[in-house]
Amino acid sequence: MEEEEKNRDTSGYNINRMCSDVLTSATNKGRTTEAFIGLIFLVVVLRLPPNDLAFIVKRILDILENTGIFAYTLLILSHIFYIILIRFASKMQNEEIKRLSNERNRLQEMLDKDITQSSEA
């Protein structure tokens, strides 16, 4: 078995291993639905004839070219929401750190009282 692993060519492109890694990572992160949608999209794109694919890409580029202001507006809005999200997450994290610190201090005080009481006896 070890000889098989040593003889295996690892320099090549292994699509099965890559798909397995992507799906495992997506499952671990709770992104299985998005991974399967992406996989279906990839299969559809790879099965299209070159002429149809070129037409679809040209159509998408035309839409993006004509709606540049809309794209910039979405970009700015996403940045604003991201800043709000970061501030909210930071506030939640600081509150949790304070709570854990208070809990630790309370438990340490209880432990100190137990130690001093047992040493006095």
N, C-alpha and C. Protein backbone atom coordinates (compact mmCIF):
# COMPACT_ATOMS: atom_id res chain seq x y z
N MET A 1 0.83 -1.19 0.00
CA MET A 1 0.00 0.00 0.00
C MET A 1 0.87 1.25 0.00
N GLU A 2 1.94 1.24 0.77
CA GLU A 2 2.82 2.39 0.79
C GLU A 2 3.50 2.58 -0.55
N GLU A 3 3.78 1.48 -1.26
CA GLU A 3 4.42 1.57 -2.56
C GLU A 3 3.50 2.23 -3.57
N GLU A 4 2.19 1.95 -3.47
CA GLU A 4 1.23 2.58 -4.37
C GLU A 4 1.23 4.09 -4.17
N GLU A 5 1.26 4.53 -2.92
CA GLU A 5 1.25 5.96 -2.64
C GLU A 5 2.54 6.62 -3.13
N LYS A 6 3.65 5.92 -3.02
CA LYS A 6 4.92 6.48 -3.49
C LYS A 6 4.94 6.58 -5.00
N ASN A 7 4.34 5.61 -5.68
CA ASN A 7 4.36 5.57 -7.14
C ASN A 7 3.31 6.47 -7.77
N ARG A 8 2.36 6.94 -6.99
CA ARG A 8 1.29 7.77 -7.52
C ARG A 8 1.85 9.12 -7.97
N ASP A 9 1.44 9.55 -9.17
CA ASP A 9 1.89 10.83 -9.70
C ASP A 9 1.06 11.95 -9.07
N THR A 10 1.68 12.76 -8.24
CA THR A 10 0.96 13.85 -7.57
C THR A 10 1.18 15.18 -8.26
N SER A 11 1.95 15.20 -9.34
CA SER A 11 2.21 16.47 -10.02
C SER A 11 1.08 16.84 -10.98
N GLY A 12 0.24 15.88 -11.36
CA GLY A 12 -0.83 16.14 -12.31
C GLY A 12 -2.02 16.84 -11.67
N TYR A 13 -2.96 17.21 -12.50
CA TYR A 13 -4.16 17.90 -12.07
C TYR A 13 -5.21 16.86 -11.73
N ASN A 14 -5.63 16.80 -10.48
CA ASN A 14 -6.56 15.78 -10.04
C ASN A 14 -7.92 16.45 -9.76
N ILE A 15 -8.82 16.39 -10.75
CA ILE A 15 -10.11 17.06 -10.64
C ILE A 15 -10.98 16.41 -9.57
N ASN A 16 -10.89 15.11 -9.40
CA ASN A 16 -11.70 14.42 -8.39
C ASN A 16 -11.31 14.86 -7.00
N ARG A 17 -10.02 14.97 -6.75
CA ARG A 17 -9.54 15.40 -5.43
C ARG A 17 -9.95 16.85 -5.17
N MET A 18 -9.86 17.70 -6.20
CA MET A 18 -10.23 19.09 -6.05
C MET A 18 -11.72 19.22 -5.71
N CYS A 19 -12.57 18.49 -6.43
CA CYS A 19 -14.02 18.54 -6.17
C CYS A 19 -14.32 18.03 -4.76
N SER A 20 -13.63 16.98 -4.37
CA SER A 20 -13.83 16.44 -3.03
C SER A 20 -13.44 17.47 -1.96
N ASP A 21 -12.31 18.14 -2.16
CA ASP A 21 -11.86 19.15 -1.20
C ASP A 21 -12.83 20.32 -1.12
N VAL A 22 -13.32 20.76 -2.28
CA VAL A 22 -14.24 21.90 -2.31
C VAL A 22 -15.55 21.53 -1.61
N LEU A 23 -16.09 20.36 -1.91
CA LEU A 23 -17.35 19.96 -1.28
C LEU A 23 -17.19 19.72 0.22
N THR A 24 -16.05 19.16 0.63
CA THR A 24 -15.81 18.97 2.06
C THR A 24 -15.72 20.31 2.78
N SER A 25 -15.00 21.24 2.19
CA SER A 25 -14.87 22.57 2.78
C SER A 25 -16.22 23.28 2.82
N ALA A 26 -17.00 23.16 1.76
CA ALA A 26 -18.32 23.79 1.72
C ALA A 26 -19.24 23.19 2.77
N THR A 27 -19.16 21.89 2.96
CA THR A 27 -19.98 21.23 3.96
C THR A 27 -19.59 21.68 5.37
N ASN A 28 -18.30 21.78 5.62
CA ASN A 28 -17.83 22.20 6.93
C ASN A 28 -18.24 23.63 7.26
N LYS A 29 -18.33 24.47 6.25
CA LYS A 29 -18.66 25.87 6.46
C LYS A 29 -20.15 26.17 6.28
N GLY A 30 -20.94 25.16 5.99
CA GLY A 30 -22.37 25.37 5.82
C GLY A 30 -22.73 25.99 4.49
N ARG A 31 -21.93 25.79 3.48
CA ARG A 31 -22.15 26.38 2.16
C ARG A 31 -22.42 25.32 1.10
N THR A 32 -23.09 24.25 1.48
CA THR A 32 -23.32 23.15 0.56
C THR A 32 -24.22 23.57 -0.59
N THR A 33 -25.26 24.32 -0.30
CA THR A 33 -26.20 24.75 -1.35
C THR A 33 -25.48 25.58 -2.41
N GLU A 34 -24.68 26.55 -1.97
CA GLU A 34 -23.95 27.39 -2.92
C GLU A 34 -22.97 26.57 -3.75
N ALA A 35 -22.33 25.58 -3.12
CA ALA A 35 -21.38 24.74 -3.84
C ALA A 35 -22.07 23.94 -4.94
N PHE A 36 -23.24 23.38 -4.64
CA PHE A 36 -23.96 22.62 -5.67
C PHE A 36 -24.51 23.52 -6.78
N ILE A 37 -24.96 24.70 -6.43
CA ILE A 37 -25.40 25.64 -7.47
C ILE A 37 -24.23 26.00 -8.38
N GLY A 38 -23.07 26.25 -7.79
CA GLY A 38 -21.88 26.54 -8.58
C GLY A 38 -21.47 25.37 -9.45
N LEU A 39 -21.57 24.17 -8.90
CA LEU A 39 -21.24 22.97 -9.66
C LEU A 39 -22.18 22.78 -10.85
N ILE A 40 -23.48 22.98 -10.63
CA ILE A 40 -24.45 22.89 -11.72
C ILE A 40 -24.18 23.94 -12.78
N PHE A 41 -23.89 25.17 -12.34
CA PHE A 41 -23.57 26.25 -13.28
C PHE A 41 -22.33 25.89 -14.10
N LEU A 42 -21.31 25.34 -13.44
CA LEU A 42 -20.08 24.96 -14.13
C LEU A 42 -20.35 23.88 -15.18
N VAL A 43 -21.17 22.89 -14.83
CA VAL A 43 -21.49 21.82 -15.77
C VAL A 43 -22.25 22.37 -16.97
N VAL A 44 -23.21 23.28 -16.71
CA VAL A 44 -23.98 23.87 -17.81
C VAL A 44 -23.07 24.67 -18.73
N VAL A 45 -22.17 25.46 -18.15
CA VAL A 45 -21.27 26.27 -18.96
C VAL A 45 -20.32 25.39 -19.77
N LEU A 46 -19.82 24.33 -19.18
CA LEU A 46 -18.90 23.45 -19.91
C LEU A 46 -19.60 22.68 -21.02
N ARG A 47 -20.90 22.46 -20.91
CA ARG A 47 -21.65 21.71 -21.93
C ARG A 47 -22.15 22.60 -23.07
N LEU A 48 -22.09 23.91 -22.91
CA LEU A 48 -22.57 24.80 -23.97
C LEU A 48 -21.65 24.78 -25.18
N PRO A 49 -22.23 24.90 -26.37
CA PRO A 49 -21.38 25.04 -27.57
C PRO A 49 -20.65 26.39 -27.51
N PRO A 50 -19.47 26.47 -28.11
CA PRO A 50 -18.68 27.71 -28.04
C PRO A 50 -19.42 28.95 -28.54
N ASN A 51 -20.23 28.80 -29.58
CA ASN A 51 -20.96 29.96 -30.11
C ASN A 51 -21.97 30.50 -29.10
N ASP A 52 -22.70 29.60 -28.45
CA ASP A 52 -23.67 30.03 -27.45
C ASP A 52 -22.98 30.65 -26.24
N LEU A 53 -21.86 30.08 -25.84
CA LEU A 53 -21.12 30.63 -24.70
C LEU A 53 -20.60 32.03 -25.01
N ALA A 54 -20.09 32.22 -26.22
CA ALA A 54 -19.61 33.54 -26.62
C ALA A 54 -20.76 34.56 -26.62
N PHE A 55 -21.93 34.14 -27.10
CA PHE A 55 -23.09 35.04 -27.11
C PHE A 55 -23.50 35.41 -25.69
N ILE A 56 -23.53 34.44 -24.79
CA ILE A 56 -23.93 34.71 -23.40
C ILE A 56 -22.92 35.64 -22.73
N VAL A 57 -21.62 35.40 -22.94
CA VAL A 57 -20.60 36.26 -22.33
C VAL A 57 -20.72 37.68 -22.88
N LYS A 58 -20.94 37.82 -24.19
CA LYS A 58 -21.08 39.15 -24.78
C LYS A 58 -22.31 39.86 -24.23
N ARG A 59 -23.39 39.14 -24.06
CA ARG A 59 -24.63 39.72 -23.51
C ARG A 59 -24.42 40.19 -22.06
N ILE A 60 -23.73 39.38 -21.28
CA ILE A 60 -23.47 39.77 -19.89
C ILE A 60 -22.59 41.01 -19.84
N LEU A 61 -21.56 41.06 -20.69
CA LEU A 61 -20.69 42.24 -20.73
C LEU A 61 -21.44 43.49 -21.17
N ASP A 62 -22.36 43.36 -22.14
CA ASP A 62 -23.19 44.50 -22.56
C ASP A 62 -24.05 45.01 -21.41
N ILE A 63 -24.64 44.08 -20.67
CA ILE A 63 -25.48 44.48 -19.53
C ILE A 63 -24.64 45.21 -18.49
N LEU A 64 -23.46 44.68 -18.20
CA LEU A 64 -22.59 45.33 -17.22
C LEU A 64 -22.12 46.70 -17.70
N GLU A 65 -21.88 46.82 -18.99
CA GLU A 65 -21.43 48.11 -19.54
C GLU A 65 -22.54 49.16 -19.45
N ASN A 66 -23.77 48.77 -19.70
CA ASN A 66 -24.88 49.71 -19.68
C ASN A 66 -25.36 50.04 -18.27
N THR A 67 -25.01 49.21 -17.32
CA THR A 67 -25.48 49.44 -15.96
C THR A 67 -24.32 49.70 -15.00
N GLY A 68 -23.33 50.46 -15.44
CA GLY A 68 -22.16 50.75 -14.62
C GLY A 68 -22.51 51.53 -13.36
N ILE A 69 -23.42 52.49 -13.48
CA ILE A 69 -23.80 53.28 -12.32
C ILE A 69 -24.48 52.39 -11.29
N PHE A 70 -25.31 51.49 -11.75
CA PHE A 70 -25.98 50.56 -10.84
C PHE A 70 -24.95 49.71 -10.10
N ALA A 71 -23.93 49.24 -10.81
CA ALA A 71 -22.90 48.41 -10.18
C ALA A 71 -22.13 49.20 -9.13
N TYR A 72 -21.78 50.44 -9.44
CA TYR A 72 -21.06 51.26 -8.45
C TYR A 72 -21.94 51.55 -7.23
N THR A 73 -23.22 51.74 -7.47
CA THR A 73 -24.14 51.96 -6.34
C THR A 73 -24.19 50.73 -5.44
N LEU A 74 -24.29 49.56 -6.06
CA LEU A 74 -24.28 48.32 -5.27
C LEU A 74 -22.95 48.14 -4.53
N LEU A 75 -21.86 48.53 -5.15
CA LEU A 75 -20.55 48.44 -4.50
C LEU A 75 -20.50 49.32 -3.26
N ILE A 76 -20.95 50.55 -3.38
CA ILE A 76 -20.93 51.48 -2.25
C ILE A 76 -21.86 50.98 -1.14
N LEU A 77 -23.05 50.51 -1.50
CA LEU A 77 -23.97 49.99 -0.50
C LEU A 77 -23.40 48.76 0.21
N SER A 78 -22.74 47.90 -0.53
CA SER A 78 -22.15 46.72 0.11
C SER A 78 -21.05 47.12 1.09
N HIS A 79 -20.28 48.14 0.75
CA HIS A 79 -19.25 48.62 1.68
C HIS A 79 -19.87 49.22 2.94
N ILE A 80 -20.93 49.96 2.77
CA ILE A 80 -21.61 50.56 3.94
C ILE A 80 -22.15 49.46 4.84
N PHE A 81 -22.82 48.47 4.27
CA PHE A 81 -23.36 47.37 5.07
C PHE A 81 -22.24 46.56 5.72
N TYR A 82 -21.10 46.43 5.04
CA TYR A 82 -19.97 45.71 5.61
C TYR A 82 -19.43 46.45 6.83
N ILE A 83 -19.32 47.77 6.74
CA ILE A 83 -18.84 48.56 7.87
C ILE A 83 -19.79 48.42 9.06
N ILE A 84 -21.10 48.48 8.78
CA ILE A 84 -22.09 48.32 9.85
C ILE A 84 -21.96 46.93 10.47
N LEU A 85 -21.80 45.91 9.65
CA LEU A 85 -21.66 44.55 10.14
C LEU A 85 -20.43 44.39 11.02
N ILE A 86 -19.31 44.96 10.60
CA ILE A 86 -18.07 44.86 11.38
C ILE A 86 -18.23 45.56 12.72
N ARG A 87 -18.84 46.72 12.74
CA ARG A 87 -19.06 47.44 14.00
C ARG A 87 -19.97 46.63 14.93
N PHE A 88 -21.02 46.06 14.39
CA PHE A 88 -21.94 45.25 15.19
C PHE A 88 -21.24 44.01 15.75
N ALA A 89 -20.46 43.33 14.90
CA ALA A 89 -19.74 42.13 15.34
C ALA A 89 -18.69 42.49 16.39
N SER A 90 -18.02 43.61 16.21
CA SER A 90 -17.02 44.04 17.18
C SER A 90 -17.66 44.34 18.53
N LYS A 91 -18.81 45.01 18.50
CA LYS A 91 -19.52 45.31 19.75
C LYS A 91 -19.95 44.03 20.45
N MET A 92 -20.48 43.07 19.69
CA MET A 92 -20.90 41.79 20.27
C MET A 92 -19.70 41.05 20.87
N GLN A 93 -18.57 41.09 20.19
CA GLN A 93 -17.38 40.41 20.68
C GLN A 93 -16.88 41.05 21.97
N ASN A 94 -16.86 42.37 22.02
CA ASN A 94 -16.42 43.06 23.23
C ASN A 94 -17.33 42.76 24.42
N GLU A 95 -18.63 42.72 24.17
CA GLU A 95 -19.57 42.39 25.24
C GLU A 95 -19.36 40.97 25.74
N GLU A 96 -19.09 40.05 24.84
CA GLU A 96 -18.86 38.66 25.24
C GLU A 96 -17.55 38.54 26.03
N ILE A 97 -16.53 39.27 25.63
CA ILE A 97 -15.27 39.25 26.36
C ILE A 97 -15.47 39.78 27.77
N LYS A 98 -16.22 40.87 27.92
CA LYS A 98 -16.51 41.41 29.25
C LYS A 98 -17.29 40.41 30.09
N ARG A 99 -18.27 39.76 29.49
CA ARG A 99 -19.06 38.77 30.23
C ARG A 99 -18.20 37.62 30.70
N LEU A 100 -17.35 37.11 29.82
CA LEU A 100 -16.47 36.00 30.19
C LEU A 100 -15.46 36.43 31.25
N SER A 101 -14.98 37.65 31.16
CA SER A 101 -14.04 38.16 32.16
C SER A 101 -14.71 38.26 33.52
N ASN A 102 -15.92 38.76 33.55
CA ASN A 102 -16.66 38.86 34.82
C ASN A 102 -16.93 37.47 35.40
N GLU A 103 -17.29 36.53 34.55
CA GLU A 103 -17.54 35.16 35.01
C GLU A 103 -16.26 34.53 35.56
N ARG A 104 -15.16 34.74 34.88
CA ARG A 104 -13.88 34.22 35.36
C ARG A 104 -13.52 34.82 36.72
N ASN A 105 -13.69 36.15 36.86
CA ASN A 105 -13.39 36.80 38.13
C ASN A 105 -14.26 36.27 39.26
N ARG A 106 -15.54 36.06 38.96
CA ARG A 106 -16.46 35.55 39.97
C ARG A 106 -16.04 34.15 40.42
N LEU A 107 -15.69 33.31 39.47
CA LEU A 107 -15.27 31.95 39.81
C LEU A 107 -13.94 31.94 40.56
N GLN A 108 -13.03 32.84 40.20
CA GLN A 108 -11.76 32.93 40.91
C GLN A 108 -11.98 33.38 42.36
N GLU A 109 -12.89 34.32 42.55
CA GLU A 109 -13.18 34.77 43.91
C GLU A 109 -13.78 33.63 44.74
N MET A 110 -14.66 32.85 44.12
CA MET A 110 -15.24 31.70 44.84
C MET A 110 -14.15 30.70 45.20
N LEU A 111 -13.22 30.46 44.28
CA LEU A 111 -12.14 29.53 44.52
C LEU A 111 -11.21 30.05 45.62
N ASP A 112 -10.91 31.35 45.59
CA ASP A 112 -10.06 31.96 46.62
C ASP A 112 -10.70 31.83 48.00
N LYS A 113 -12.00 32.04 48.10
CA LYS A 113 -12.69 31.91 49.38
C LYS A 113 -12.60 30.48 49.90
N ASP A 114 -12.76 29.52 48.99
CA ASP A 114 -12.67 28.11 49.40
C ASP A 114 -11.27 27.77 49.88
N ILE A 115 -10.25 28.29 49.22
CA ILE A 115 -8.87 28.00 49.60
C ILE A 115 -8.54 28.62 50.97
N THR A 116 -8.95 29.89 51.17
CA THR A 116 -8.65 30.54 52.45
C THR A 116 -9.41 29.90 53.59
N GLN A 117 -10.63 29.45 53.34
CA GLN A 117 -11.39 28.79 54.40
C GLN A 117 -10.77 27.45 54.78
N SER A 118 -10.27 26.70 53.80
CA SER A 118 -9.68 25.40 54.11
C SER A 118 -8.31 25.55 54.78
N SER A 119 -7.60 26.63 54.47
CA SER A 119 -6.30 26.82 55.10
C SER A 119 -6.43 27.33 56.53
N GLU A 120 -7.54 28.00 56.86
CA GLU A 120 -7.75 28.49 58.22
C GLU A 120 -8.16 27.36 59.15
N ALA A 121 -8.75 26.33 58.60
CA ALA A 121 -9.25 25.24 59.46
C ALA A 121 -8.19 24.36 59.98
